[in-house]
N, C-alpha and C. Protein backbone atom coordinates (compact mmCIF):
# COMPACT_ATOMS: atom_id res chain seq x y z
N MET A 1 -20.27 -38.31 -10.96
CA MET A 1 -19.37 -37.68 -10.06
C MET A 1 -17.91 -37.64 -10.52
N PRO A 2 -17.73 -36.49 -10.72
CA PRO A 2 -16.34 -36.54 -11.01
C PRO A 2 -15.19 -36.98 -10.09
N ILE A 3 -14.16 -37.57 -10.83
CA ILE A 3 -13.14 -37.81 -10.14
C ILE A 3 -11.99 -37.31 -10.45
N VAL A 4 -11.03 -36.76 -9.74
CA VAL A 4 -9.46 -35.97 -10.59
C VAL A 4 -8.55 -36.83 -9.80
N ASN A 5 -7.93 -37.44 -10.39
CA ASN A 5 -6.45 -37.97 -9.69
C ASN A 5 -5.40 -37.20 -10.07
N ILE A 6 -4.42 -36.83 -9.35
CA ILE A 6 -3.29 -35.75 -9.17
C ILE A 6 -2.09 -36.87 -8.69
N THR A 7 -1.29 -36.65 -9.79
CA THR A 7 0.30 -37.26 -9.43
C THR A 7 1.04 -36.19 -9.63
N MET A 8 2.05 -36.10 -7.70
CA MET A 8 2.92 -35.22 -7.97
C MET A 8 4.25 -35.89 -7.23
N ILE A 9 5.21 -35.43 -7.72
CA ILE A 9 6.70 -35.65 -6.98
C ILE A 9 6.37 -35.17 -5.47
N GLU A 10 6.42 -36.09 -4.85
CA GLU A 10 6.57 -35.51 -3.32
C GLU A 10 7.43 -34.07 -2.95
N GLY A 11 6.70 -33.79 -1.81
CA GLY A 11 7.38 -32.34 -1.23
C GLY A 11 6.56 -31.16 -1.12
N ARG A 12 5.04 -31.18 -1.46
CA ARG A 12 4.24 -30.18 -1.11
C ARG A 12 3.83 -30.51 0.60
N THR A 13 3.56 -29.33 0.61
CA THR A 13 3.07 -29.61 2.38
C THR A 13 1.64 -29.69 2.42
N GLU A 14 1.28 -29.81 3.32
CA GLU A 14 -0.18 -30.51 3.71
C GLU A 14 -1.17 -28.58 3.28
N GLU A 15 -0.64 -27.83 3.72
CA GLU A 15 -1.37 -26.45 3.14
C GLU A 15 -1.46 -26.20 1.68
N GLN A 16 -0.34 -26.33 0.88
CA GLN A 16 -0.19 -26.48 -0.52
C GLN A 16 -1.22 -27.59 -1.17
N LYS A 17 -1.32 -28.73 -0.60
CA LYS A 17 -2.65 -29.77 -1.29
C LYS A 17 -3.79 -28.94 -0.83
N ARG A 18 -3.92 -28.41 0.60
CA ARG A 18 -5.47 -27.89 0.73
C ARG A 18 -5.74 -26.70 -0.41
N GLN A 19 -4.99 -25.90 -0.55
CA GLN A 19 -5.21 -24.71 -1.82
C GLN A 19 -5.43 -25.73 -2.97
N LEU A 20 -4.65 -26.74 -3.39
CA LEU A 20 -4.89 -27.14 -4.37
C LEU A 20 -5.93 -28.04 -4.88
N VAL A 21 -6.53 -28.89 -3.45
CA VAL A 21 -7.76 -29.54 -3.92
C VAL A 21 -9.11 -28.62 -3.94
N LYS A 22 -8.81 -27.34 -3.35
CA LYS A 22 -9.80 -26.30 -3.10
C LYS A 22 -10.26 -25.79 -4.30
N LYS A 23 -9.04 -25.64 -5.12
CA LYS A 23 -8.92 -24.81 -6.51
C LYS A 23 -9.56 -25.59 -7.47
N VAL A 24 -8.94 -26.78 -7.39
CA VAL A 24 -9.60 -27.97 -8.44
C VAL A 24 -10.88 -28.35 -8.24
N THR A 25 -11.37 -28.15 -7.10
CA THR A 25 -12.88 -28.47 -6.82
C THR A 25 -13.68 -27.49 -7.40
N ASP A 26 -13.21 -26.51 -7.11
CA ASP A 26 -13.60 -25.08 -7.68
C ASP A 26 -13.90 -24.92 -9.18
N ALA A 27 -12.75 -25.24 -9.80
CA ALA A 27 -12.88 -25.29 -11.08
C ALA A 27 -13.77 -26.33 -11.55
N ILE A 28 -14.01 -27.87 -11.32
CA ILE A 28 -14.81 -28.57 -11.65
C ILE A 28 -16.34 -28.05 -11.48
N VAL A 29 -16.36 -27.59 -10.04
CA VAL A 29 -17.74 -27.07 -9.89
C VAL A 29 -18.01 -26.04 -10.82
N GLU A 30 -17.53 -25.35 -11.18
CA GLU A 30 -17.88 -24.20 -12.33
C GLU A 30 -17.89 -24.95 -13.80
N THR A 31 -17.00 -25.64 -14.13
CA THR A 31 -17.41 -26.14 -15.38
C THR A 31 -17.90 -27.18 -15.80
N CYS A 32 -18.27 -28.29 -14.72
CA CYS A 32 -19.01 -29.36 -14.77
C CYS A 32 -20.40 -29.01 -14.18
N GLU A 33 -20.29 -28.09 -13.55
CA GLU A 33 -21.80 -27.64 -12.62
C GLU A 33 -22.12 -28.55 -11.76
N ALA A 34 -21.17 -29.31 -11.18
CA ALA A 34 -21.41 -30.54 -10.18
C ALA A 34 -21.23 -29.63 -8.48
N PRO A 35 -22.11 -30.52 -7.74
CA PRO A 35 -21.64 -29.69 -6.54
C PRO A 35 -20.61 -30.38 -5.78
N PRO A 36 -20.15 -29.54 -4.85
CA PRO A 36 -18.34 -29.59 -4.46
C PRO A 36 -18.66 -30.96 -3.59
N GLU A 37 -19.82 -31.32 -3.20
CA GLU A 37 -19.62 -32.95 -2.47
C GLU A 37 -19.33 -34.05 -3.38
N ALA A 38 -19.93 -33.77 -4.46
CA ALA A 38 -19.95 -34.80 -5.45
C ALA A 38 -18.38 -34.94 -6.11
N VAL A 39 -17.55 -34.19 -6.09
CA VAL A 39 -16.14 -33.66 -6.56
C VAL A 39 -15.06 -35.11 -5.48
N THR A 40 -14.31 -35.66 -6.16
CA THR A 40 -13.40 -36.77 -5.12
C THR A 40 -12.38 -36.35 -5.95
N ILE A 41 -11.45 -36.17 -5.08
CA ILE A 41 -9.95 -35.83 -5.74
C ILE A 41 -9.00 -36.51 -4.87
N THR A 42 -7.86 -37.51 -5.37
CA THR A 42 -7.03 -38.33 -5.07
C THR A 42 -5.69 -37.82 -5.24
N ILE A 43 -4.79 -37.52 -4.09
CA ILE A 43 -3.07 -37.08 -4.69
C ILE A 43 -2.40 -38.44 -4.33
N LEU A 44 -1.86 -38.57 -5.08
CA LEU A 44 -0.51 -39.84 -5.12
C LEU A 44 0.51 -39.05 -5.32
N ASP A 45 1.46 -38.75 -4.24
CA ASP A 45 2.96 -38.47 -4.01
C ASP A 45 3.84 -39.67 -4.06
N ILE A 46 4.56 -39.02 -5.29
CA ILE A 46 5.53 -40.38 -6.02
C ILE A 46 7.17 -39.78 -5.28
N PRO A 47 7.81 -40.91 -4.28
CA PRO A 47 8.76 -40.55 -3.67
C PRO A 47 9.74 -40.02 -5.06
N LYS A 48 10.87 -39.15 -4.65
CA LYS A 48 12.08 -38.93 -5.49
C LYS A 48 12.40 -39.65 -6.14
N THR A 49 12.81 -40.77 -4.88
CA THR A 49 13.60 -42.07 -5.72
C THR A 49 12.68 -42.82 -6.34
N ASN A 50 11.52 -42.61 -6.72
CA ASN A 50 11.11 -43.40 -8.11
C ASN A 50 10.78 -42.55 -9.19
N VAL A 51 11.61 -41.21 -9.07
CA VAL A 51 11.41 -40.58 -10.66
C VAL A 51 12.94 -40.59 -10.82
N ALA A 52 12.83 -40.23 -12.53
CA ALA A 52 14.18 -40.49 -13.11
C ALA A 52 14.23 -39.38 -14.11
N ASN A 53 14.79 -38.66 -14.61
CA ASN A 53 14.90 -37.85 -15.86
C ASN A 53 16.26 -38.22 -16.59
N ALA A 54 16.41 -38.44 -17.61
CA ALA A 54 17.89 -38.45 -18.50
C ALA A 54 18.31 -39.82 -17.73
N GLY A 55 17.75 -40.64 -17.44
CA GLY A 55 18.47 -41.94 -16.79
C GLY A 55 19.35 -41.56 -15.64
N ILE A 56 18.74 -40.34 -14.84
CA ILE A 56 19.41 -40.46 -13.37
C ILE A 56 17.77 -39.72 -12.60
N LEU A 57 18.27 -40.48 -11.25
CA LEU A 57 17.39 -40.25 -10.44
C LEU A 57 16.99 -39.07 -9.90
N ARG A 58 15.84 -38.39 -9.39
CA ARG A 58 16.08 -37.03 -9.14
C ARG A 58 16.68 -37.19 -7.71
N SER A 59 16.64 -38.26 -6.96
CA SER A 59 17.32 -38.22 -5.50
C SER A 59 18.75 -38.33 -5.62
N ASP A 60 19.28 -38.89 -6.80
CA ASP A 60 20.53 -38.65 -7.17
C ASP A 60 20.91 -37.52 -7.52
N ALA A 61 20.33 -37.00 -8.38
CA ALA A 61 20.57 -35.65 -8.85
C ALA A 61 20.32 -34.53 -8.38
N GLY A 62 19.99 -34.54 -6.74
CA GLY A 62 19.74 -33.52 -5.81
C GLY A 62 18.48 -32.68 -6.23
N ARG A 63 17.80 -32.97 -7.17
CA ARG A 63 16.65 -31.93 -7.24
C ARG A 63 15.52 -32.25 -6.76
N LYS A 64 14.71 -30.76 -6.60
CA LYS A 64 13.83 -30.65 -5.53
C LYS A 64 12.54 -31.48 -6.35
């Protein structure tokens, strides 16, 4: 059973997540010849306050 973990910085809409898991599932089905019901996808949304670039929190830098 394929398991895919996706980690992203928060901010995607539910519709964007729906589209993402559909396309990732389709890719796994096509490349691994796995049935769609065997594909498990988890999405981990990381708060901007928990991500830093160049020593600056994304939340402090005003980055999206």
